[in-house]
Amino acid sequence: MSYNAEIHHRRSIRIKDYNYSQDGAYFITLCAYHRECLFGEIENEVMLLNDFGQVVRCEWMKSFEIRKEILIDEFIIMPNHFHGIVFIRHQTPLPNECLTRVSGPRNKSISALVAAFKSIVTTKINQIRQTPFQPVWQRSYYEHIIRNEKSLLHIREYTKNNPRTWKNDSLF
């Protein structure tokens, strides 16, 4: 069934009028399509990445080589989802053309990072498994704006401990 706004009532979790390309700290979560355990398994409370999980890790690291305004922090690849903390730090103001884009994710924003990351991971995993156009990720993603040091420390701990608490995780 195709999307119908009258039936499906999708609502954005994004804060209205918030600029997700502004400097700040963000916690993001991406889920595998149908929450399928694609990226590896938890053994003795340790995440063991398979080939697909290695693709996710490699492409996540490459994302920050390309995007100098986005800094990497704590992240974890789980069997069927991914958590990461990132910081946006602009050295100079964004050019006007980046701020006035009509459609699509803003350049140098969380949505641009996630869209590019999900796209390249999907392409590479589908090349490995020889399944062109097969979804790897669920539609959209979850993000949380980290507003203070206490929240950042809590989210870092949550991310680090995710393999230990896997059996209690809502995504298990």
N, C-alpha and C. Protein backbone atom coordinates (compact mmCIF):
# COMPACT_ATOMS: atom_id res chain seq x y z
N MET A 1 0.84 -1.18 0.00
CA MET A 1 0.00 0.00 0.00
C MET A 1 0.88 1.23 0.00
N SER A 2 0.61 2.18 -0.89
CA SER A 2 1.40 3.40 -0.95
C SER A 2 0.95 4.38 0.13
N TYR A 3 1.81 5.35 0.40
CA TYR A 3 1.54 6.33 1.45
C TYR A 3 0.35 7.20 1.07
N ASN A 4 -0.56 7.37 2.02
CA ASN A 4 -1.73 8.23 1.86
C ASN A 4 -1.83 9.06 3.15
N ALA A 5 -1.66 10.37 3.04
CA ALA A 5 -1.65 11.25 4.22
C ALA A 5 -2.95 11.18 5.01
N GLU A 6 -4.05 10.89 4.35
CA GLU A 6 -5.34 10.81 5.04
C GLU A 6 -5.44 9.57 5.93
N ILE A 7 -4.72 8.52 5.57
CA ILE A 7 -4.78 7.26 6.31
C ILE A 7 -3.63 7.12 7.30
N HIS A 8 -2.42 7.43 6.85
CA HIS A 8 -1.23 7.09 7.62
C HIS A 8 -0.86 8.11 8.69
N HIS A 9 -1.21 9.35 8.54
CA HIS A 9 -0.99 10.39 9.56
C HIS A 9 0.45 10.41 10.09
N ARG A 10 1.42 10.39 9.19
CA ARG A 10 2.81 10.49 9.63
C ARG A 10 3.07 11.88 10.16
N ARG A 11 3.69 11.93 11.31
CA ARG A 11 4.03 13.20 11.92
C ARG A 11 5.54 13.24 12.13
N SER A 12 6.11 14.36 11.85
CA SER A 12 7.54 14.53 12.03
C SER A 12 7.87 14.65 13.51
N ILE A 13 8.98 14.07 13.91
CA ILE A 13 9.45 14.23 15.28
C ILE A 13 10.40 15.43 15.37
N ARG A 14 10.66 16.07 14.25
CA ARG A 14 11.56 17.22 14.22
C ARG A 14 10.90 18.41 14.92
N ILE A 15 11.73 19.23 15.57
CA ILE A 15 11.24 20.44 16.20
C ILE A 15 10.96 21.46 15.11
N LYS A 16 9.76 21.97 15.07
CA LYS A 16 9.36 22.92 14.03
C LYS A 16 10.26 24.15 14.09
N ASP A 17 10.74 24.54 12.94
CA ASP A 17 11.59 25.73 12.76
C ASP A 17 12.97 25.62 13.41
N TYR A 18 13.37 24.42 13.87
CA TYR A 18 14.72 24.26 14.42
C TYR A 18 15.67 24.03 13.25
N ASN A 19 16.82 24.67 13.27
CA ASN A 19 17.81 24.55 12.20
C ASN A 19 18.78 23.42 12.56
N TYR A 20 18.59 22.25 11.96
CA TYR A 20 19.41 21.09 12.26
C TYR A 20 20.78 21.15 11.59
N SER A 21 21.14 22.30 11.05
CA SER A 21 22.50 22.47 10.55
C SER A 21 23.30 23.42 11.46
N GLN A 22 22.65 23.90 12.53
CA GLN A 22 23.37 24.80 13.44
C GLN A 22 24.29 24.02 14.36
N ASP A 23 25.28 24.73 14.89
CA ASP A 23 26.23 24.11 15.80
C ASP A 23 25.48 23.46 16.97
N GLY A 24 25.95 22.27 17.35
CA GLY A 24 25.34 21.59 18.47
C GLY A 24 25.70 20.12 18.50
N ALA A 25 25.18 19.43 19.49
CA ALA A 25 25.40 17.99 19.66
C ALA A 25 24.08 17.28 19.41
N TYR A 26 24.16 16.15 18.71
CA TYR A 26 22.97 15.41 18.32
C TYR A 26 23.20 13.91 18.53
N PHE A 27 22.17 13.24 18.99
CA PHE A 27 22.18 11.78 19.14
C PHE A 27 21.23 11.23 18.09
N ILE A 28 21.74 10.33 17.24
CA ILE A 28 20.90 9.78 16.18
C ILE A 28 20.79 8.26 16.32
N THR A 29 19.66 7.74 15.89
CA THR A 29 19.41 6.30 15.86
C THR A 29 18.82 5.95 14.51
N LEU A 30 19.40 4.95 13.87
CA LEU A 30 18.90 4.41 12.61
C LEU A 30 18.55 2.95 12.84
N CYS A 31 17.42 2.51 12.30
CA CYS A 31 17.00 1.12 12.45
C CYS A 31 17.08 0.39 11.11
N ALA A 32 17.49 -0.86 11.17
CA ALA A 32 17.50 -1.70 9.98
C ALA A 32 16.07 -1.95 9.52
N TYR A 33 15.91 -2.15 8.24
CA TYR A 33 14.60 -2.40 7.65
C TYR A 33 13.93 -3.60 8.33
N HIS A 34 12.72 -3.41 8.78
CA HIS A 34 11.96 -4.42 9.52
C HIS A 34 12.70 -4.92 10.75
N ARG A 35 13.63 -4.09 11.24
CA ARG A 35 14.45 -4.44 12.42
C ARG A 35 15.17 -5.78 12.28
N GLU A 36 15.50 -6.09 11.05
CA GLU A 36 16.23 -7.34 10.77
C GLU A 36 17.65 -7.22 11.31
N CYS A 37 18.14 -8.28 11.93
CA CYS A 37 19.50 -8.29 12.48
C CYS A 37 20.49 -8.51 11.35
N LEU A 38 20.89 -7.42 10.72
CA LEU A 38 21.77 -7.47 9.54
C LEU A 38 23.24 -7.29 9.85
N PHE A 39 23.58 -6.64 10.95
CA PHE A 39 24.92 -6.12 11.14
C PHE A 39 25.83 -6.96 12.03
N GLY A 40 25.34 -8.04 12.57
CA GLY A 40 26.15 -8.90 13.42
C GLY A 40 25.33 -9.43 14.57
N GLU A 41 26.03 -9.83 15.63
CA GLU A 41 25.32 -10.40 16.78
C GLU A 41 26.04 -10.03 18.08
N ILE A 42 25.28 -10.14 19.16
CA ILE A 42 25.83 -9.91 20.50
C ILE A 42 26.23 -11.26 21.07
N GLU A 43 27.50 -11.34 21.50
CA GLU A 43 27.98 -12.55 22.14
C GLU A 43 28.73 -12.14 23.39
N ASN A 44 28.31 -12.68 24.54
CA ASN A 44 28.92 -12.32 25.83
C ASN A 44 28.94 -10.80 26.03
N GLU A 45 27.82 -10.17 25.70
CA GLU A 45 27.63 -8.73 25.87
C GLU A 45 28.58 -7.87 25.04
N VAL A 46 29.09 -8.43 23.94
CA VAL A 46 29.97 -7.72 23.02
C VAL A 46 29.39 -7.80 21.63
N MET A 47 29.35 -6.70 20.91
CA MET A 47 28.85 -6.69 19.55
C MET A 47 29.93 -7.18 18.60
N LEU A 48 29.59 -8.23 17.85
CA LEU A 48 30.49 -8.80 16.85
C LEU A 48 29.94 -8.43 15.48
N LEU A 49 30.65 -7.58 14.77
CA LEU A 49 30.20 -7.13 13.47
C LEU A 49 30.43 -8.19 12.40
N ASN A 50 29.43 -8.38 11.55
CA ASN A 50 29.62 -9.23 10.36
C ASN A 50 30.08 -8.31 9.22
N ASP A 51 30.10 -8.84 7.99
CA ASP A 51 30.54 -8.03 6.85
C ASP A 51 29.69 -6.77 6.67
N PHE A 52 28.37 -6.89 6.86
CA PHE A 52 27.50 -5.73 6.71
C PHE A 52 27.77 -4.71 7.82
N GLY A 53 27.99 -5.19 9.02
CA GLY A 53 28.33 -4.29 10.13
C GLY A 53 29.64 -3.57 9.89
N GLN A 54 30.59 -4.26 9.27
CA GLN A 54 31.87 -3.63 8.92
C GLN A 54 31.67 -2.52 7.89
N VAL A 55 30.74 -2.73 6.96
CA VAL A 55 30.41 -1.68 5.98
C VAL A 55 29.87 -0.46 6.71
N VAL A 56 28.95 -0.68 7.65
CA VAL A 56 28.38 0.43 8.41
C VAL A 56 29.49 1.19 9.14
N ARG A 57 30.36 0.46 9.82
CA ARG A 57 31.45 1.10 10.57
C ARG A 57 32.37 1.89 9.65
N CYS A 58 32.78 1.28 8.57
CA CYS A 58 33.70 1.92 7.62
C CYS A 58 33.08 3.20 7.04
N GLU A 59 31.83 3.13 6.62
CA GLU A 59 31.18 4.29 6.01
C GLU A 59 30.90 5.39 7.03
N TRP A 60 30.62 5.01 8.27
CA TRP A 60 30.43 6.01 9.31
C TRP A 60 31.73 6.80 9.51
N MET A 61 32.84 6.10 9.58
CA MET A 61 34.13 6.76 9.76
C MET A 61 34.46 7.65 8.55
N LYS A 62 34.18 7.18 7.36
CA LYS A 62 34.43 7.98 6.15
C LYS A 62 33.60 9.25 6.13
N SER A 63 32.41 9.19 6.71
CA SER A 63 31.52 10.35 6.72
C SER A 63 32.20 11.56 7.34
N PHE A 64 33.06 11.33 8.32
CA PHE A 64 33.68 12.43 9.04
C PHE A 64 35.00 12.86 8.42
N GLU A 65 35.51 12.04 7.51
CA GLU A 65 36.65 12.48 6.71
C GLU A 65 36.17 13.47 5.66
N ILE A 66 34.97 13.25 5.15
CA ILE A 66 34.39 14.08 4.10
C ILE A 66 33.82 15.38 4.67
N ARG A 67 33.14 15.28 5.78
CA ARG A 67 32.41 16.41 6.36
C ARG A 67 33.18 16.99 7.54
N LYS A 68 34.01 17.95 7.27
CA LYS A 68 34.90 18.52 8.29
C LYS A 68 34.13 19.29 9.36
N GLU A 69 32.91 19.72 9.06
CA GLU A 69 32.12 20.47 10.04
C GLU A 69 31.40 19.56 11.03
N ILE A 70 31.43 18.25 10.80
CA ILE A 70 30.76 17.32 11.69
C ILE A 70 31.81 16.45 12.37
N LEU A 71 31.76 16.43 13.71
CA LEU A 71 32.72 15.68 14.50
C LEU A 71 32.05 14.43 15.07
N ILE A 72 32.79 13.34 15.08
CA ILE A 72 32.29 12.07 15.58
C ILE A 72 32.51 11.99 17.09
N ASP A 73 31.60 11.31 17.75
CA ASP A 73 31.73 11.04 19.18
C ASP A 73 31.42 9.55 19.34
N GLU A 74 30.87 9.18 20.45
CA GLU A 74 30.54 7.78 20.74
C GLU A 74 29.53 7.25 19.72
N PHE A 75 29.71 5.99 19.29
CA PHE A 75 28.72 5.33 18.44
C PHE A 75 28.78 3.83 18.67
N ILE A 76 27.69 3.16 18.32
CA ILE A 76 27.63 1.70 18.43
C ILE A 76 26.77 1.16 17.30
N ILE A 77 27.26 0.11 16.70
CA ILE A 77 26.49 -0.63 15.70
C ILE A 77 25.95 -1.85 16.41
N MET A 78 24.65 -1.99 16.40
CA MET A 78 23.97 -3.11 17.05
C MET A 78 23.45 -4.05 15.96
N PRO A 79 22.95 -5.24 16.32
CA PRO A 79 22.50 -6.18 15.29
C PRO A 79 21.47 -5.59 14.31
N ASN A 80 20.57 -4.74 14.81
CA ASN A 80 19.53 -4.22 13.93
C ASN A 80 19.34 -2.70 14.01
N HIS A 81 20.29 -2.01 14.62
CA HIS A 81 20.21 -0.56 14.67
C HIS A 81 21.58 0.04 14.93
N PHE A 82 21.61 1.35 14.87
CA PHE A 82 22.86 2.10 15.01
C PHE A 82 22.56 3.34 15.87
N HIS A 83 23.46 3.63 16.82
CA HIS A 83 23.38 4.85 17.61
C HIS A 83 24.67 5.64 17.40
N GLY A 84 24.56 6.94 17.29
CA GLY A 84 25.75 7.77 17.18
C GLY A 84 25.53 9.17 17.72
N ILE A 85 26.57 9.72 18.29
CA ILE A 85 26.58 11.10 18.75
C ILE A 85 27.48 11.87 17.81
N VAL A 86 26.98 12.99 17.32
CA VAL A 86 27.78 13.85 16.43
C VAL A 86 27.65 15.30 16.89
N PHE A 87 28.68 16.06 16.56
CA PHE A 87 28.70 17.50 16.83
C PHE A 87 28.82 18.22 15.50
N ILE A 88 28.04 19.26 15.32
CA ILE A 88 28.22 20.15 14.17
C ILE A 88 28.97 21.37 14.69
N ARG A 89 30.08 21.65 14.06
CA ARG A 89 30.91 22.81 14.42
C ARG A 89 31.33 23.50 13.13
N HIS A 90 30.68 24.59 12.79
CA HIS A 90 31.03 25.36 11.59
C HIS A 90 32.15 26.33 11.93
N GLN A 91 33.13 26.35 11.08
CA GLN A 91 34.22 27.31 11.23
C GLN A 91 33.78 28.69 10.74
N THR A 92 32.97 28.68 9.69
CA THR A 92 32.49 29.93 9.09
C THR A 92 31.00 29.81 8.86
N PRO A 93 30.32 30.94 8.74
CA PRO A 93 28.87 30.87 8.48
C PRO A 93 28.58 30.14 7.17
N LEU A 94 27.41 29.52 7.11
CA LEU A 94 26.99 28.84 5.89
C LEU A 94 26.73 29.86 4.79
N PRO A 95 27.08 29.54 3.56
CA PRO A 95 26.72 30.43 2.45
C PRO A 95 25.20 30.54 2.34
N ASN A 96 24.74 31.66 1.82
CA ASN A 96 23.30 31.90 1.70
C ASN A 96 22.58 30.81 0.92
N GLU A 97 23.22 30.25 -0.12
CA GLU A 97 22.54 29.23 -0.92
C GLU A 97 22.25 27.97 -0.11
N CYS A 98 23.00 27.70 0.94
CA CYS A 98 22.73 26.55 1.79
C CYS A 98 21.53 26.81 2.69
N LEU A 99 21.30 28.04 3.02
CA LEU A 99 20.22 28.38 3.94
C LEU A 99 18.88 28.53 3.25
N THR A 100 18.88 28.73 1.94
CA THR A 100 17.63 29.01 1.25
C THR A 100 17.19 27.88 0.32
N ARG A 101 17.75 26.71 0.49
CA ARG A 101 17.34 25.57 -0.33
C ARG A 101 15.86 25.30 -0.18
N VAL A 102 15.22 24.97 -1.27
CA VAL A 102 13.78 24.76 -1.24
C VAL A 102 13.41 23.36 -0.80
N SER A 103 14.11 22.34 -1.29
CA SER A 103 13.76 20.97 -0.95
C SER A 103 15.00 20.15 -0.64
N GLY A 104 14.78 19.00 0.00
CA GLY A 104 15.88 18.11 0.34
C GLY A 104 16.58 18.56 1.60
N PRO A 105 17.50 17.74 2.10
CA PRO A 105 18.18 18.10 3.34
C PRO A 105 19.13 19.26 3.14
N ARG A 106 19.23 20.11 4.15
CA ARG A 106 20.17 21.22 4.09
C ARG A 106 21.59 20.67 4.07
N ASN A 107 22.40 21.30 3.26
CA ASN A 107 23.80 20.95 3.21
C ASN A 107 24.41 21.17 4.60
N LYS A 108 25.31 20.30 5.00
CA LYS A 108 25.99 20.39 6.29
C LYS A 108 25.03 20.28 7.46
N SER A 109 24.03 19.46 7.33
CA SER A 109 23.03 19.26 8.38
C SER A 109 23.02 17.80 8.80
N ILE A 110 22.32 17.51 9.88
CA ILE A 110 22.15 16.13 10.33
C ILE A 110 21.43 15.32 9.25
N SER A 111 20.39 15.89 8.67
CA SER A 111 19.64 15.13 7.65
C SER A 111 20.49 14.84 6.43
N ALA A 112 21.36 15.76 6.03
CA ALA A 112 22.25 15.50 4.89
C ALA A 112 23.24 14.39 5.23
N LEU A 113 23.79 14.43 6.43
CA LEU A 113 24.71 13.37 6.88
C LEU A 113 24.01 12.01 6.85
N VAL A 114 22.84 11.93 7.46
CA VAL A 114 22.12 10.65 7.56
C VAL A 114 21.71 10.15 6.18
N ALA A 115 21.20 11.04 5.33
CA ALA A 115 20.77 10.63 3.99
C ALA A 115 21.94 10.04 3.19
N ALA A 116 23.08 10.71 3.21
CA ALA A 116 24.24 10.22 2.47
C ALA A 116 24.75 8.91 3.06
N PHE A 117 24.83 8.84 4.38
CA PHE A 117 25.30 7.64 5.05
C PHE A 117 24.41 6.44 4.74
N LYS A 118 23.10 6.60 4.89
CA LYS A 118 22.18 5.50 4.62
C LYS A 118 22.26 5.06 3.15
N SER A 119 22.41 6.01 2.26
CA SER A 119 22.46 5.70 0.84
C SER A 119 23.69 4.87 0.48
N ILE A 120 24.87 5.29 0.93
CA ILE A 120 26.09 4.57 0.58
C ILE A 120 26.14 3.21 1.25
N VAL A 121 25.68 3.10 2.50
CA VAL A 121 25.65 1.81 3.18
C VAL A 121 24.71 0.86 2.44
N THR A 122 23.55 1.34 2.06
CA THR A 122 22.58 0.52 1.33
C THR A 122 23.17 0.03 0.02
N THR A 123 23.80 0.92 -0.72
CA THR A 123 24.41 0.54 -2.00
C THR A 123 25.48 -0.53 -1.81
N LYS A 124 26.36 -0.33 -0.84
CA LYS A 124 27.46 -1.29 -0.63
C LYS A 124 26.96 -2.64 -0.12
N ILE A 125 26.02 -2.64 0.81
CA ILE A 125 25.48 -3.91 1.32
C ILE A 125 24.75 -4.64 0.20
N ASN A 126 23.99 -3.92 -0.61
CA ASN A 126 23.28 -4.57 -1.71
C ASN A 126 24.22 -5.10 -2.77
N GLN A 127 25.37 -4.47 -2.95
CA GLN A 127 26.38 -5.03 -3.86
C GLN A 127 26.91 -6.35 -3.32
N ILE A 128 27.16 -6.40 -2.01
CA ILE A 128 27.68 -7.63 -1.39
C ILE A 128 26.67 -8.76 -1.50
N ARG A 129 25.42 -8.48 -1.18
CA ARG A 129 24.42 -9.55 -1.17
C ARG A 129 23.71 -9.70 -2.52
N GLN A 130 24.12 -8.89 -3.49
CA GLN A 130 23.58 -8.95 -4.86
C GLN A 130 22.05 -8.81 -4.87
N THR A 131 21.58 -7.79 -4.16
CA THR A 131 20.15 -7.50 -4.09
C THR A 131 19.92 -6.02 -4.36
N PRO A 132 20.02 -5.59 -5.62
CA PRO A 132 19.84 -4.17 -5.91
C PRO A 132 18.46 -3.67 -5.47
N PHE A 133 18.44 -2.47 -4.95
CA PHE A 133 17.21 -1.77 -4.55
C PHE A 133 16.53 -2.37 -3.32
N GLN A 134 17.17 -3.30 -2.63
CA GLN A 134 16.61 -3.87 -1.40
C GLN A 134 16.86 -2.88 -0.25
N PRO A 135 15.84 -2.53 0.52
CA PRO A 135 16.08 -1.60 1.63
C PRO A 135 16.98 -2.22 2.70
N VAL A 136 17.81 -1.40 3.28
CA VAL A 136 18.65 -1.79 4.41
C VAL A 136 18.17 -1.09 5.67
N TRP A 137 17.72 0.14 5.53
CA TRP A 137 17.30 0.97 6.65
C TRP A 137 15.80 1.23 6.61
N GLN A 138 15.22 1.43 7.78
CA GLN A 138 13.85 1.90 7.85
C GLN A 138 13.80 3.35 7.40
N ARG A 139 12.64 3.77 6.99
CA ARG A 139 12.43 5.15 6.57
C ARG A 139 12.75 6.08 7.74
N SER A 140 13.36 7.20 7.45
CA SER A 140 13.65 8.25 8.41
C SER A 140 14.67 7.79 9.46
N TYR A 141 14.70 8.47 10.56
CA TYR A 141 15.62 8.18 11.65
C TYR A 141 15.15 8.96 12.87
N TYR A 142 15.72 8.65 14.01
CA TYR A 142 15.40 9.37 15.24
C TYR A 142 16.60 10.24 15.59
N GLU A 143 16.35 11.46 15.99
CA GLU A 143 17.43 12.29 16.51
C GLU A 143 16.98 13.03 17.75
N HIS A 144 17.96 13.30 18.58
CA HIS A 144 17.72 14.01 19.83
C HIS A 144 18.78 15.11 19.93
N ILE A 145 18.35 16.31 20.21
CA ILE A 145 19.29 17.42 20.39
C ILE A 145 19.84 17.31 21.82
N ILE A 146 21.14 17.23 21.93
CA ILE A 146 21.78 17.13 23.24
C ILE A 146 22.02 18.56 23.73
N ARG A 147 21.37 18.91 24.82
CA ARG A 147 21.34 20.31 25.24
C ARG A 147 22.33 20.67 26.34
N ASN A 148 22.89 19.68 27.04
CA ASN A 148 23.82 20.02 28.12
C ASN A 148 24.77 18.85 28.38
N GLU A 149 25.78 19.11 29.20
CA GLU A 149 26.83 18.12 29.50
C GLU A 149 26.27 16.89 30.20
N LYS A 150 25.34 17.08 31.11
CA LYS A 150 24.74 15.94 31.83
C LYS A 150 24.06 14.99 30.86
N SER A 151 23.30 15.53 29.93
CA SER A 151 22.62 14.72 28.92
C SER A 151 23.64 14.01 28.03
N LEU A 152 24.68 14.72 27.63
CA LEU A 152 25.73 14.13 26.79
C LEU A 152 26.38 12.93 27.50
N LEU A 153 26.72 13.09 28.76
CA LEU A 153 27.35 12.00 29.51
C LEU A 153 26.41 10.80 29.64
N HIS A 154 25.14 11.06 29.89
CA HIS A 154 24.15 9.99 29.99
C HIS A 154 24.01 9.23 28.66
N ILE A 155 23.95 9.95 27.56
CA ILE A 155 23.79 9.31 26.25
C ILE A 155 25.06 8.54 25.87
N ARG A 156 26.22 9.06 26.22
CA ARG A 156 27.47 8.33 25.97
C ARG A 156 27.45 6.98 26.71
N GLU A 157 27.05 7.01 27.97
CA GLU A 157 26.99 5.77 28.76
C GLU A 157 25.97 4.79 28.17
N TYR A 158 24.81 5.31 27.80
CA TYR A 158 23.78 4.48 27.19
C TYR A 158 24.32 3.81 25.92
N THR A 159 25.02 4.57 25.10
CA THR A 159 25.57 4.04 23.86
C THR A 159 26.62 2.97 24.14
N LYS A 160 27.55 3.24 25.03
CA LYS A 160 28.60 2.28 25.37
C LYS A 160 28.02 0.99 25.93
N ASN A 161 26.97 1.11 26.74
CA ASN A 161 26.38 -0.05 27.41
C ASN A 161 25.33 -0.79 26.58
N ASN A 162 25.05 -0.32 25.41
CA ASN A 162 23.99 -0.91 24.60
C ASN A 162 24.16 -2.41 24.39
N PRO A 163 25.35 -2.92 24.08
CA PRO A 163 25.49 -4.38 23.92
C PRO A 163 25.18 -5.15 25.21
N ARG A 164 25.51 -4.57 26.37
CA ARG A 164 25.25 -5.25 27.65
C ARG A 164 23.77 -5.30 27.98
N THR A 165 23.03 -4.34 27.48
CA THR A 165 21.59 -4.28 27.80
C THR A 165 20.71 -4.73 26.63
N TRP A 166 21.32 -5.38 25.64
CA TRP A 166 20.64 -5.78 24.41
C TRP A 166 19.36 -6.54 24.64
N LYS A 167 19.35 -7.50 25.53
CA LYS A 167 18.15 -8.31 25.74
C LYS A 167 16.99 -7.52 26.32
N ASN A 168 17.28 -6.36 26.92
CA ASN A 168 16.23 -5.51 27.47
C ASN A 168 15.87 -4.36 26.53
N ASP A 169 16.57 -4.27 25.40
CA ASP A 169 16.39 -3.17 24.47
C ASP A 169 15.06 -3.28 23.74
N SER A 170 14.40 -2.15 23.52
CA SER A 170 13.13 -2.15 22.79
C SER A 170 13.31 -2.59 21.34
N LEU A 171 14.53 -2.52 20.81
CA LEU A 171 14.80 -2.93 19.43
C LEU A 171 15.24 -4.39 19.33
N PHE A 172 15.32 -5.11 20.46
CA PHE A 172 15.74 -6.52 20.49
C PHE A 172 14.71 -7.39 19.82
